[in-house]
Amino acid sequence: MNTKVLEKLGKQLKTFRLDRDLTQEELADKVGIHPTYVGKLETGKSNPSVKMLFKISRALNVKLHELFLFDK
């Protein structure tokens, strides 16, 4: 898998999280995951499932497809 995609997705997640003034811990609590997993997602070191991305998008109050609106 192209790790650049995971890095871009992670950047997008972090941008949305910071725009909402959430810490990694607060987002993790809203989603029901461990804060270190949020860190791994944001750095592109973890490949989340679609189900997980859906939960995160709901916690960030964005549509799922918005997580993938990044340049190629």
N, C-alpha and C. Protein backbone atom coordinates (compact mmCIF):
# COMPACT_ATOMS: atom_id res chain seq x y z
N MET A 1 0.84 -1.18 0.00
CA MET A 1 0.00 0.00 0.00
C MET A 1 0.88 1.24 0.00
N ASN A 2 0.43 2.22 -0.67
CA ASN A 2 1.15 3.49 -0.74
C ASN A 2 1.03 4.21 0.61
N THR A 3 2.13 4.31 1.31
CA THR A 3 2.08 4.94 2.64
C THR A 3 1.82 6.44 2.55
N LYS A 4 2.04 7.03 1.40
CA LYS A 4 1.75 8.47 1.24
C LYS A 4 0.27 8.75 1.45
N VAL A 5 -0.58 7.83 1.01
CA VAL A 5 -2.02 7.99 1.19
C VAL A 5 -2.35 8.00 2.68
N LEU A 6 -1.75 7.09 3.43
CA LEU A 6 -2.00 7.04 4.87
C LEU A 6 -1.48 8.30 5.56
N GLU A 7 -0.35 8.82 5.10
CA GLU A 7 0.19 10.06 5.67
C GLU A 7 -0.73 11.24 5.38
N LYS A 8 -1.26 11.30 4.17
CA LYS A 8 -2.17 12.39 3.80
C LYS A 8 -3.47 12.29 4.58
N LEU A 9 -3.97 11.08 4.73
CA LEU A 9 -5.18 10.87 5.52
C LEU A 9 -4.94 11.30 6.97
N GLY A 10 -3.79 10.92 7.50
CA GLY A 10 -3.45 11.29 8.88
C GLY A 10 -3.37 12.79 9.06
N LYS A 11 -2.77 13.47 8.09
CA LYS A 11 -2.71 14.94 8.15
C LYS A 11 -4.10 15.54 8.17
N GLN A 12 -4.97 14.98 7.34
CA GLN A 12 -6.35 15.47 7.27
C GLN A 12 -7.07 15.25 8.60
N LEU A 13 -6.89 14.08 9.18
CA LEU A 13 -7.49 13.82 10.49
C LEU A 13 -7.01 14.82 11.54
N LYS A 14 -5.71 15.05 11.55
CA LYS A 14 -5.14 15.98 12.52
C LYS A 14 -5.68 17.39 12.30
N THR A 15 -5.80 17.81 11.05
CA THR A 15 -6.33 19.14 10.74
C THR A 15 -7.75 19.29 11.27
N PHE A 16 -8.60 18.30 10.99
CA PHE A 16 -9.98 18.35 11.49
C PHE A 16 -10.00 18.36 13.02
N ARG A 17 -9.15 17.54 13.65
CA ARG A 17 -9.12 17.48 15.11
C ARG A 17 -8.71 18.82 15.70
N LEU A 18 -7.66 19.42 15.16
CA LEU A 18 -7.19 20.71 15.68
C LEU A 18 -8.19 21.82 15.41
N ASP A 19 -8.86 21.78 14.27
CA ASP A 19 -9.89 22.78 13.96
C ASP A 19 -11.02 22.75 14.98
N ARG A 20 -11.20 21.60 15.61
CA ARG A 20 -12.26 21.47 16.61
C ARG A 20 -11.72 21.58 18.04
N ASP A 21 -10.47 22.02 18.15
CA ASP A 21 -9.82 22.19 19.46
C ASP A 21 -9.88 20.94 20.32
N LEU A 22 -9.66 19.79 19.71
CA LEU A 22 -9.65 18.53 20.44
C LEU A 22 -8.22 18.04 20.58
N THR A 23 -7.92 17.47 21.74
CA THR A 23 -6.65 16.79 21.91
C THR A 23 -6.81 15.37 21.35
N GLN A 24 -5.69 14.69 21.19
CA GLN A 24 -5.77 13.29 20.76
C GLN A 24 -6.56 12.47 21.78
N GLU A 25 -6.38 12.77 23.04
CA GLU A 25 -7.08 12.06 24.10
C GLU A 25 -8.59 12.29 24.02
N GLU A 26 -8.98 13.53 23.76
CA GLU A 26 -10.42 13.84 23.67
C GLU A 26 -11.06 13.15 22.47
N LEU A 27 -10.36 13.16 21.33
CA LEU A 27 -10.90 12.47 20.16
C LEU A 27 -10.98 10.98 20.42
N ALA A 28 -9.94 10.43 21.00
CA ALA A 28 -9.93 9.00 21.32
C ALA A 28 -11.11 8.63 22.22
N ASP A 29 -11.38 9.47 23.20
CA ASP A 29 -12.50 9.23 24.12
C ASP A 29 -13.83 9.25 23.37
N LYS A 30 -13.98 10.19 22.45
CA LYS A 30 -15.24 10.29 21.68
C LYS A 30 -15.45 9.07 20.78
N VAL A 31 -14.34 8.53 20.27
CA VAL A 31 -14.42 7.39 19.34
C VAL A 31 -14.43 6.06 20.09
N GLY A 32 -13.83 6.04 21.29
CA GLY A 32 -13.74 4.80 22.06
C GLY A 32 -12.50 3.99 21.70
N ILE A 33 -11.40 4.71 21.43
CA ILE A 33 -10.14 4.07 21.09
C ILE A 33 -9.04 4.62 22.00
N HIS A 34 -7.86 4.03 21.91
CA HIS A 34 -6.73 4.49 22.74
C HIS A 34 -6.08 5.70 22.08
N PRO A 35 -5.66 6.67 22.86
CA PRO A 35 -5.03 7.87 22.29
C PRO A 35 -3.80 7.59 21.43
N THR A 36 -3.05 6.55 21.76
CA THR A 36 -1.88 6.25 20.94
C THR A 36 -2.28 5.82 19.53
N TYR A 37 -3.47 5.23 19.40
CA TYR A 37 -3.96 4.85 18.07
C TYR A 37 -4.25 6.09 17.24
N VAL A 38 -4.78 7.13 17.87
CA VAL A 38 -5.02 8.40 17.17
C VAL A 38 -3.68 8.93 16.66
N GLY A 39 -2.66 8.87 17.48
CA GLY A 39 -1.33 9.31 17.06
C GLY A 39 -0.80 8.53 15.88
N LYS A 40 -1.00 7.22 15.90
CA LYS A 40 -0.55 6.38 14.79
C LYS A 40 -1.32 6.70 13.52
N LEU A 41 -2.60 6.98 13.66
CA LEU A 41 -3.39 7.36 12.48
C LEU A 41 -2.90 8.68 11.90
N GLU A 42 -2.67 9.64 12.78
CA GLU A 42 -2.27 10.97 12.32
C GLU A 42 -0.89 11.00 11.68
N THR A 43 -0.05 10.05 12.02
CA THR A 43 1.29 10.00 11.42
C THR A 43 1.36 9.02 10.26
N GLY A 44 0.24 8.39 9.92
CA GLY A 44 0.21 7.47 8.79
C GLY A 44 0.83 6.12 9.10
N LYS A 45 0.96 5.79 10.37
CA LYS A 45 1.59 4.53 10.76
C LYS A 45 0.57 3.41 10.98
N SER A 46 -0.70 3.71 10.81
CA SER A 46 -1.74 2.70 10.97
C SER A 46 -2.73 2.83 9.82
N ASN A 47 -3.24 1.69 9.39
CA ASN A 47 -4.18 1.63 8.28
C ASN A 47 -5.57 1.32 8.85
N PRO A 48 -6.41 2.35 9.05
CA PRO A 48 -7.70 2.14 9.71
C PRO A 48 -8.71 1.48 8.78
N SER A 49 -9.65 0.79 9.38
CA SER A 49 -10.75 0.20 8.62
C SER A 49 -11.75 1.29 8.24
N VAL A 50 -12.60 0.98 7.31
CA VAL A 50 -13.65 1.92 6.92
C VAL A 50 -14.56 2.19 8.11
N LYS A 51 -14.84 1.15 8.87
CA LYS A 51 -15.70 1.29 10.06
C LYS A 51 -15.08 2.28 11.05
N MET A 52 -13.77 2.18 11.25
CA MET A 52 -13.08 3.10 12.17
C MET A 52 -13.12 4.52 11.63
N LEU A 53 -12.87 4.67 10.33
CA LEU A 53 -12.92 6.01 9.73
C LEU A 53 -14.31 6.62 9.86
N PHE A 54 -15.33 5.79 9.73
CA PHE A 54 -16.70 6.28 9.89
C PHE A 54 -16.92 6.79 11.32
N LYS A 55 -16.45 6.03 12.31
CA LYS A 55 -16.59 6.46 13.70
C LYS A 55 -15.85 7.78 13.95
N ILE A 56 -14.66 7.88 13.39
CA ILE A 56 -13.87 9.10 13.57
C ILE A 56 -14.54 10.28 12.88
N SER A 57 -15.07 10.06 11.69
CA SER A 57 -15.74 11.16 10.98
C SER A 57 -16.95 11.65 11.77
N ARG A 58 -17.68 10.73 12.37
CA ARG A 58 -18.83 11.14 13.19
C ARG A 58 -18.38 11.93 14.41
N ALA A 59 -17.29 11.49 15.03
CA ALA A 59 -16.78 12.19 16.22
C ALA A 59 -16.29 13.59 15.86
N LEU A 60 -15.78 13.75 14.63
CA LEU A 60 -15.29 15.05 14.17
C LEU A 60 -16.39 15.88 13.50
N ASN A 61 -17.56 15.27 13.36
CA ASN A 61 -18.71 15.93 12.74
C ASN A 61 -18.40 16.35 11.28
N VAL A 62 -17.82 15.42 10.53
CA VAL A 62 -17.57 15.62 9.11
C VAL A 62 -18.09 14.39 8.36
N LYS A 63 -18.35 14.56 7.08
CA LYS A 63 -18.77 13.43 6.25
C LYS A 63 -17.54 12.59 5.94
N LEU A 64 -17.75 11.29 5.83
CA LEU A 64 -16.65 10.36 5.62
C LEU A 64 -15.78 10.76 4.44
N HIS A 65 -16.39 11.15 3.35
CA HIS A 65 -15.60 11.49 2.16
C HIS A 65 -14.71 12.71 2.37
N GLU A 66 -15.05 13.56 3.33
CA GLU A 66 -14.24 14.76 3.57
C GLU A 66 -12.85 14.40 4.11
N LEU A 67 -12.73 13.23 4.71
CA LEU A 67 -11.42 12.80 5.20
C LEU A 67 -10.45 12.55 4.05
N PHE A 68 -11.00 12.34 2.86
CA PHE A 68 -10.17 12.02 1.70
C PHE A 68 -10.04 13.18 0.72
N LEU A 69 -10.43 14.36 1.13
CA LEU A 69 -10.33 15.53 0.25
C LEU A 69 -8.95 16.17 0.42
N PHE A 70 -7.94 15.51 -0.11
CA PHE A 70 -6.60 16.03 -0.07
C PHE A 70 -6.00 15.91 -1.47
N ASP A 71 -4.98 16.70 -1.72
CA ASP A 71 -4.33 16.67 -3.02
C ASP A 71 -3.69 15.32 -3.28
N LYS A 72 -3.54 15.01 -4.53
CA LYS A 72 -2.97 13.71 -4.93
C LYS A 72 -1.53 13.57 -4.55
